Amino acid sequence: MKPTHELYMQRCIDLALLGQGRVAPNPMVGSVLVYDNRIIGEGYHQQFGGPHAEVNCIASVKETDRKYIPEACLYVSLEPCSHVGKTPPCTNLIIEQGIKMVVIGCKDSFEEVNGKGIEKLKKTGIKVITGVLEQACKDLNRRFFTFHKEKRPYIILKWAETADGRMAGEGKERLLISNKYTNRLVHKWRMEEPCILTGTNTALVDDPSLDNRLWTGASPVRMVLDLSLRLPRKLKLFNQEQRTIVFNLLKNQKEGNIQHFKLSRTAGVIIQINCACLLLDLQSLLVEGGAKMLRSFIEEGIWDEARVITNTVLEAGKGLKAPILNNHVLVKTEKINTDIIRYYQHQAPEKKAETFFRFTGKPVQV
């Protein structure tokens, strides 16, 4: 059976995912070069500030195959850039290599690109095909597109609850809900997002490190909401091991890796946190707060994903009730030993459900 454009674009998506957690605030991008139904080169954007996917793809072509580059078809999951940033424009390289056909997954909505790359390629006589696995390519970079289109971070809510829907027991002692395998996955999630947010009570009771010590890669920027600055400095959040932002109502001050960010009393807290992420170029936010903080995001309708871990064998009887989502759609279910993880997408009533996990090739469970 002859390979299709969709098959090669899926390979681009698979490659792009290898850069997750390492390329932000750039988008994840994958690229393959195909000659006579054979992949002769492939690459992805590996590190922020490093070569783009198209550059790595063309550089990977073996010397014996380089003569085929002009006759090959280049596949790329996102429109090639046409502006000078930290690296030269990828469109220039494509033109210089004499490539005559380019297949693109989706257009780049970033204002410096936004169709200009496609237009430049077409003006030089290159055949350009767009919209191949378009929704899957958009889903791949949903953080990037949300940030630039809606001017806020892509927000992921995460919590663990017992089988009877409790986030904590009656006493002040910390209740360990998720198992050790799920905990490792949570650390992977932290690596994938540039910042993580928690609240005052969670910081006091749990004393979390909010790092990803159980996974490889950089830990996220820690953010904590402490309006009256009552958190003691002995907490792990203040160990200076990673950048920490303290949202408060009293002061702006920086001490090493600890930055106090003063909020206004006249605007909503969540909106101001979103604005801070925008100013700091942090494209996504993982919220690991307590029930009160999580409910605030849910009630204001400012969230994109929710990941709920349920321990199916642990019951608390009494204690702090877990939040209840509204306007959501279940897009994926995963079982890890005694834990079930349910992945939800925020779904405003008037919008059609979009299952952003479709590009993984896994069945969507609703």
Protein backbone atom coordinates (compact mmCIF):
# COMPACT_ATOMS: atom_id res chain seq x y z
CA MET A 1 0.00 0.00 0.00
CA LYS A 2 1.35 3.44 -0.95
CA PRO A 3 2.11 5.65 2.06
CA THR A 4 -0.13 8.68 2.45
CA HIS A 5 0.48 12.29 3.45
CA GLU A 6 -1.32 11.49 6.72
CA LEU A 7 1.13 8.70 7.55
CA TYR A 8 4.16 10.93 7.18
CA MET A 9 2.47 13.78 9.06
CA GLN A 10 1.74 11.41 11.94
CA ARG A 11 5.45 10.67 12.03
CA CYS A 12 6.09 14.43 12.26
CA ILE A 13 3.76 14.62 15.26
CA ASP A 14 5.44 11.66 16.95
CA LEU A 15 8.84 13.28 16.50
CA ALA A 16 7.61 16.67 17.72
CA LEU A 17 6.44 15.17 21.02
CA LEU A 18 10.05 14.24 21.82
CA GLY A 19 10.68 17.93 22.45
CA GLN A 20 7.93 18.31 25.04
CA GLY A 21 9.07 20.25 28.09
CA ARG A 22 12.28 21.38 26.37
CA VAL A 23 11.31 23.81 23.61
CA ALA A 24 8.82 26.21 25.26
CA PRO A 25 8.02 28.99 24.64
CA ASN A 26 8.59 27.73 21.08
CA PRO A 27 6.10 25.21 19.66
CA MET A 28 6.87 21.51 19.28
CA VAL A 29 7.59 20.70 15.65
CA GLY A 30 8.56 17.55 13.76
CA SER A 31 9.68 17.11 10.16
CA VAL A 32 10.44 14.28 7.74
CA LEU A 33 11.91 14.28 4.23
CA VAL A 34 10.57 11.65 1.84
CA TYR A 35 11.98 10.52 -1.50
CA ASP A 36 10.32 7.80 -3.56
CA ASN A 37 8.17 6.64 -0.60
CA ARG A 38 11.24 6.39 1.64
CA ILE A 39 12.10 8.60 4.59
CA ILE A 40 15.63 9.89 3.98
CA GLY A 41 15.70 12.42 6.80
CA GLU A 42 13.83 13.32 9.96
CA GLY A 43 14.18 15.70 12.85
CA TYR A 44 12.41 17.71 15.52
CA HIS A 45 12.91 20.89 17.53
CA GLN A 46 14.94 19.56 20.44
CA GLN A 47 15.76 22.56 22.62
CA PHE A 48 14.67 26.17 22.90
CA GLY A 49 17.19 28.33 21.04
CA GLY A 50 18.46 25.34 19.07
CA PRO A 51 17.94 24.38 15.41
CA HIS A 52 14.36 24.00 14.23
CA ALA A 53 12.84 20.72 13.05
CA GLU A 54 13.41 21.39 9.34
CA VAL A 55 17.11 22.13 9.94
CA ASN A 56 17.62 18.93 11.95
CA CYS A 57 15.67 16.94 9.37
CA ILE A 58 17.75 18.07 6.39
CA ALA A 59 21.00 17.74 8.37
CA SER A 60 20.14 14.11 9.16
CA VAL A 61 20.15 13.02 5.50
CA LYS A 62 22.99 10.61 4.80
CA GLU A 63 25.65 11.70 2.33
CA THR A 64 24.54 9.01 -0.14
CA ASP A 65 21.00 10.39 -0.12
CA ARG A 66 21.75 14.12 -0.27
CA LYS A 67 21.46 14.14 -4.06
CA TYR A 68 17.77 13.28 -3.63
CA ILE A 69 16.93 16.31 -1.44
CA PRO A 70 15.73 18.55 -4.33
CA GLU A 71 13.33 15.83 -5.52
CA ALA A 72 12.11 14.92 -2.04
CA CYS A 73 8.94 16.09 -0.31
CA LEU A 74 9.36 17.84 3.03
CA TYR A 75 6.69 17.24 5.68
CA VAL A 76 6.45 19.54 8.68
CA SER A 77 3.79 19.67 11.40
CA LEU A 78 3.81 23.48 11.64
CA GLU A 79 4.27 26.20 9.05
CA PRO A 80 8.01 26.96 8.56
CA CYS A 81 9.16 30.28 9.97
CA SER A 82 10.07 33.13 7.65
CA HIS A 83 11.50 35.58 10.18
CA VAL A 84 14.82 35.89 11.97
CA GLY A 85 14.55 34.85 15.60
CA LYS A 86 17.14 32.90 17.59
CA THR A 87 17.80 30.97 14.35
CA PRO A 88 17.63 31.86 10.62
CA PRO A 89 14.32 31.44 8.74
CA CYS A 90 13.57 27.81 7.86
CA THR A 91 11.94 28.92 4.60
CA ASN A 92 15.34 30.12 3.40
CA LEU A 93 16.89 26.72 3.99
CA ILE A 94 14.05 24.95 2.17
CA ILE A 95 14.46 27.24 -0.83
CA GLU A 96 18.26 26.92 -0.81
CA GLN A 97 18.02 23.12 -0.82
CA GLY A 98 15.87 23.24 -3.96
CA ILE A 99 12.99 21.30 -2.38
CA LYS A 100 9.99 21.49 -4.70
CA MET A 101 7.15 20.26 -2.47
CA VAL A 102 6.27 20.95 1.16
CA VAL A 103 3.35 19.43 3.11
CA ILE A 104 2.32 21.37 6.21
CA GLY A 105 0.11 20.22 9.08
CA CYS A 106 -1.22 23.59 10.24
CA LYS A 107 -0.56 27.29 9.93
CA ASP A 108 1.40 29.10 12.65
CA SER A 109 -0.83 31.74 14.25
CA PHE A 110 2.16 33.55 15.81
CA GLU A 111 2.07 37.06 14.35
CA GLU A 112 5.66 36.89 13.06
CA VAL A 113 4.69 33.90 10.89
CA ASN A 114 0.91 33.50 10.38
CA GLY A 115 0.89 32.50 6.71
CA LYS A 116 4.02 34.40 5.70
CA GLY A 117 6.11 31.23 5.54
CA ILE A 118 3.60 29.54 3.24
CA GLU A 119 3.37 32.62 1.05
CA LYS A 120 7.17 32.86 0.74
CA LEU A 121 7.47 29.21 -0.32
CA LYS A 122 4.72 29.56 -2.91
CA LYS A 123 6.29 32.70 -4.39
CA THR A 124 9.43 30.73 -5.22
CA GLY A 125 7.43 28.09 -7.08
CA ILE A 126 7.37 25.45 -4.36
CA LYS A 127 4.20 23.37 -4.27
CA VAL A 128 2.65 23.69 -0.81
CA ILE A 129 -0.06 21.43 0.60
CA THR A 130 -1.62 22.48 3.90
CA GLY A 131 -4.12 21.09 6.39
CA VAL A 132 -2.89 17.49 6.59
CA LEU A 133 -3.92 16.16 10.03
CA GLU A 134 -4.57 19.80 10.78
CA GLN A 135 -6.55 19.36 14.01
CA ALA A 136 -4.03 16.88 15.40
CA CYS A 137 -1.20 19.34 14.65
CA LYS A 138 -3.13 22.12 16.38
CA ASP A 139 -3.81 19.87 19.36
CA LEU A 140 -0.10 19.10 19.57
CA ASN A 141 0.64 22.78 20.27
CA ARG A 142 -2.55 23.69 22.13
CA ARG A 143 -0.47 25.47 24.80
CA PHE A 144 1.28 27.64 22.20
CA PHE A 145 -1.91 28.49 20.31
CA THR A 146 -3.92 29.26 23.47
CA PHE A 147 -1.18 31.56 24.75
CA HIS A 148 -0.96 33.61 21.55
CA LYS A 149 -4.65 33.60 20.69
CA GLU A 150 -6.25 34.08 24.11
CA LYS A 151 -3.34 35.93 25.77
CA ARG A 152 -3.23 33.61 28.77
CA PRO A 153 -1.52 30.36 29.74
CA TYR A 154 -3.01 26.97 28.91
CA ILE A 155 -4.33 25.84 32.30
CA ILE A 156 -4.26 22.25 33.57
CA LEU A 157 -6.00 21.40 36.86
CA LYS A 158 -4.73 18.37 38.74
CA TRP A 159 -5.78 16.69 41.95
CA ALA A 160 -5.99 13.30 43.64
CA GLU A 161 -9.05 12.02 45.46
CA THR A 162 -10.12 8.95 47.38
CA ALA A 163 -12.73 6.47 46.16
CA ASP A 164 -15.33 8.42 48.15
CA GLY A 165 -14.34 11.78 46.67
CA ARG A 166 -12.13 13.29 49.38
CA MET A 167 -8.90 15.23 48.86
CA ALA A 168 -7.91 15.10 52.53
CA GLY A 169 -8.97 13.49 55.78
CA GLU A 170 -10.42 15.19 58.86
CA GLY A 171 -7.16 15.83 60.66
CA LYS A 172 -4.17 17.96 59.70
CA GLU A 173 -2.02 14.96 58.81
CA ARG A 174 -1.31 14.68 55.10
CA LEU A 175 -3.31 11.98 53.30
CA LEU A 176 -1.23 10.17 50.67
CA ILE A 177 -3.71 9.23 47.94
CA SER A 178 -1.96 8.37 44.67
CA ASN A 179 0.42 5.40 44.42
CA LYS A 180 4.16 5.53 43.68
CA TYR A 181 3.70 4.78 39.97
CA THR A 182 1.19 7.58 39.50
CA ASN A 183 3.46 9.91 41.46
CA ARG A 184 6.19 9.34 38.90
CA LEU A 185 3.76 10.22 36.12
CA VAL A 186 2.83 13.44 37.96
CA HIS A 187 6.51 14.41 37.96
CA LYS A 188 6.56 13.86 34.22
CA TRP A 189 3.58 16.23 33.94
CA ARG A 190 5.52 18.82 35.90
CA MET A 191 8.43 18.55 33.50
CA GLU A 192 6.07 19.19 30.57
CA GLU A 193 4.79 22.54 31.89
CA PRO A 194 6.86 25.70 32.52
CA CYS A 195 5.15 26.64 35.80
CA ILE A 196 3.13 25.13 38.64
CA LEU A 197 0.77 26.82 41.10
CA THR A 198 -0.32 25.96 44.62
CA GLY A 199 -2.10 27.74 47.48
CA THR A 200 -1.30 28.79 51.03
CA ASN A 201 -3.05 25.94 52.83
CA THR A 202 -1.58 23.25 50.56
CA ALA A 203 1.89 24.71 51.11
CA LEU A 204 1.39 24.72 54.91
CA VAL A 205 -0.12 21.24 55.25
CA ASP A 206 1.78 19.30 52.57
CA ASP A 207 5.05 21.29 52.38
CA PRO A 208 5.49 20.27 48.72
CA SER A 209 8.73 20.71 46.77
CA LEU A 210 6.83 21.11 43.48
CA ASP A 211 9.80 19.81 41.51
CA ASN A 212 10.12 16.83 39.18
CA ARG A 213 12.79 14.87 41.06
CA LEU A 214 11.21 11.57 39.93
CA TRP A 215 11.63 12.45 36.23
CA THR A 216 14.29 13.89 33.97
CA GLY A 217 14.28 17.45 32.68
CA ALA A 218 13.95 20.91 34.17
CA SER A 219 11.61 21.56 37.10
CA PRO A 220 8.86 24.16 36.58
CA VAL A 221 8.78 27.68 37.97
CA ARG A 222 7.01 27.38 41.32
CA MET A 223 4.13 29.75 42.02
CA VAL A 224 2.35 30.06 45.36
CA LEU A 225 -0.60 32.23 46.34
CA ASP A 226 0.17 33.72 49.76
CA LEU A 227 -1.78 36.98 49.94
CA SER A 228 -0.78 37.98 53.49
CA LEU A 229 2.74 36.44 53.37
CA ARG A 230 2.13 34.07 56.27
CA LEU A 231 4.06 31.07 54.92
CA PRO A 232 7.20 30.29 57.00
CA ARG A 233 10.54 30.47 55.17
CA LYS A 234 11.46 26.96 56.34
CA LEU A 235 9.08 25.45 53.75
CA LYS A 236 10.59 23.59 50.81
CA LEU A 237 9.10 26.15 48.43
CA PHE A 238 11.67 28.65 49.68
CA ASN A 239 14.76 26.45 49.42
CA GLN A 240 16.12 28.59 46.53
CA GLU A 241 16.64 25.45 44.41
CA GLN A 242 14.34 26.69 41.67
CA ARG A 243 12.63 29.91 40.71
CA THR A 244 9.64 30.64 42.96
CA ILE A 245 7.06 33.41 42.56
CA VAL A 246 4.98 34.41 45.59
CA PHE A 247 1.74 36.19 44.69
CA ASN A 248 0.79 38.51 47.52
CA LEU A 249 -0.88 41.84 48.41
CA LEU A 250 2.04 43.42 50.27
CA LYS A 251 5.25 43.79 48.28
CA ASN A 252 7.31 43.42 45.12
CA GLN A 253 10.73 42.07 46.02
CA LYS A 254 13.32 39.63 44.73
CA GLU A 255 15.63 37.59 46.94
CA GLY A 256 17.75 35.17 44.94
CA ASN A 257 15.36 32.70 43.27
CA ILE A 258 12.39 33.97 45.31
CA GLN A 259 10.33 36.75 43.71
CA HIS A 260 7.43 38.42 45.51
CA PHE A 261 4.82 39.58 43.00
CA LYS A 262 2.35 42.12 44.39
CA LEU A 263 -1.24 41.77 43.21
CA SER A 264 -3.83 44.52 42.94
CA ARG A 265 -6.80 44.49 45.32
CA THR A 266 -9.08 45.78 42.54
CA ALA A 267 -8.74 42.87 40.08
CA GLY A 268 -9.41 39.14 40.23
CA VAL A 269 -6.55 36.95 41.47
CA ILE A 270 -6.78 34.37 38.68
CA ILE A 271 -6.80 37.05 35.98
CA GLN A 272 -3.69 38.61 37.52
CA ILE A 273 -1.90 35.26 37.68
CA ASN A 274 -2.72 34.77 34.00
CA CYS A 275 -1.31 38.22 33.23
CA ALA A 276 1.88 37.39 35.15
CA CYS A 277 2.32 34.23 33.06
CA LEU A 278 1.81 36.31 29.93
CA LEU A 279 4.45 38.84 31.00
CA LEU A 280 6.90 36.07 31.92
CA ASP A 281 6.27 34.15 28.67
CA LEU A 282 5.08 31.05 30.57
CA GLN A 283 2.68 29.37 28.16
CA SER A 284 1.06 26.79 30.40
CA LEU A 285 0.23 26.41 34.07
CA LEU A 286 -0.25 23.24 36.11
CA VAL A 287 -2.50 23.95 39.10
CA GLU A 288 -1.81 21.64 42.06
CA GLY A 289 -3.66 23.64 44.66
CA GLY A 290 -6.21 22.72 47.27
CA ALA A 291 -9.95 22.42 46.80
CA LYS A 292 -10.58 26.15 47.26
CA MET A 293 -8.09 27.20 44.59
CA LEU A 294 -9.24 24.53 42.16
CA ARG A 295 -12.88 25.53 42.62
CA SER A 296 -11.97 29.14 41.85
CA PHE A 297 -10.63 28.15 38.43
CA ILE A 298 -13.63 25.89 37.79
CA GLU A 299 -16.22 28.47 38.85
CA GLU A 300 -14.65 31.20 36.72
CA GLY A 301 -14.45 28.82 33.77
CA ILE A 302 -10.75 29.56 33.26
CA TRP A 303 -9.19 26.16 32.63
CA ASP A 304 -8.46 23.89 29.68
CA GLU A 305 -7.69 20.42 31.03
CA ALA A 306 -8.28 18.58 34.28
CA ARG A 307 -6.47 15.42 35.37
CA VAL A 308 -8.15 13.67 38.26
CA ILE A 309 -6.42 10.77 40.01
CA THR A 310 -8.76 8.47 41.95
CA ASN A 311 -7.46 5.84 44.37
CA THR A 312 -10.04 3.10 43.88
CA VAL A 313 -9.30 1.26 47.16
CA LEU A 314 -8.83 4.14 49.61
CA GLU A 315 -11.76 5.77 51.42
CA ALA A 316 -11.48 8.68 53.84
CA GLY A 317 -15.01 8.54 55.26
CA LYS A 318 -14.94 12.19 56.24
CA GLY A 319 -12.74 15.07 55.19
CA LEU A 320 -12.26 17.68 52.47
CA LYS A 321 -14.48 17.10 49.46
CA ALA A 322 -12.85 17.13 46.03
CA PRO A 323 -13.98 19.74 43.48
CA ILE A 324 -16.70 18.92 40.97
CA LEU A 325 -16.10 19.89 37.35
CA ASN A 326 -18.70 21.52 35.16
CA ASN A 327 -18.83 22.09 31.41
CA HIS A 328 -16.40 19.29 30.66
CA VAL A 329 -15.93 16.25 28.48
CA LEU A 330 -14.05 13.08 29.42
CA VAL A 331 -11.43 12.39 26.75
CA LYS A 332 -9.26 9.64 28.19
CA THR A 333 -9.12 7.14 31.06
CA GLU A 334 -5.96 5.45 32.30
CA LYS A 335 -5.48 2.80 35.02
CA ILE A 336 -2.21 2.57 36.95
CA ASN A 337 -2.36 -0.18 39.55
CA THR A 338 -4.93 0.99 42.16
CA ASP A 339 -5.32 4.44 40.59
CA ILE A 340 -7.58 5.58 37.78
CA ILE A 341 -6.68 8.81 36.01
CA ARG A 342 -9.42 10.64 34.15
CA TYR A 343 -8.49 13.35 31.69
CA TYR A 344 -11.08 16.02 31.01
CA GLN A 345 -11.26 18.93 28.61
CA HIS A 346 -13.10 22.13 29.43
CA GLN A 347 -16.17 22.35 27.27
CA ALA A 348 -18.18 25.54 27.16
CA PRO A 349 -21.86 24.65 26.52
CA GLU A 350 -22.02 26.30 23.12
CA LYS A 351 -18.85 24.69 21.77
CA LYS A 352 -18.43 21.32 20.13
CA ALA A 353 -16.23 18.85 21.97
CA GLU A 354 -12.67 18.62 20.69
CA THR A 355 -10.77 15.52 21.77
CA PHE A 356 -7.17 16.66 21.77
CA PHE A 357 -5.87 13.16 22.53
CA ARG A 358 -6.87 11.88 19.11
CA PHE A 359 -3.39 12.38 17.69
CA THR A 360 -1.92 9.85 20.14
CA GLY A 361 -3.66 7.09 18.25
CA LYS A 362 -5.27 5.83 21.46
CA PRO A 363 -9.01 5.27 21.71
CA VAL A 364 -10.99 8.07 23.32
CA GLN A 365 -13.07 6.80 26.24
CA VAL A 366 -16.17 8.77 27.16
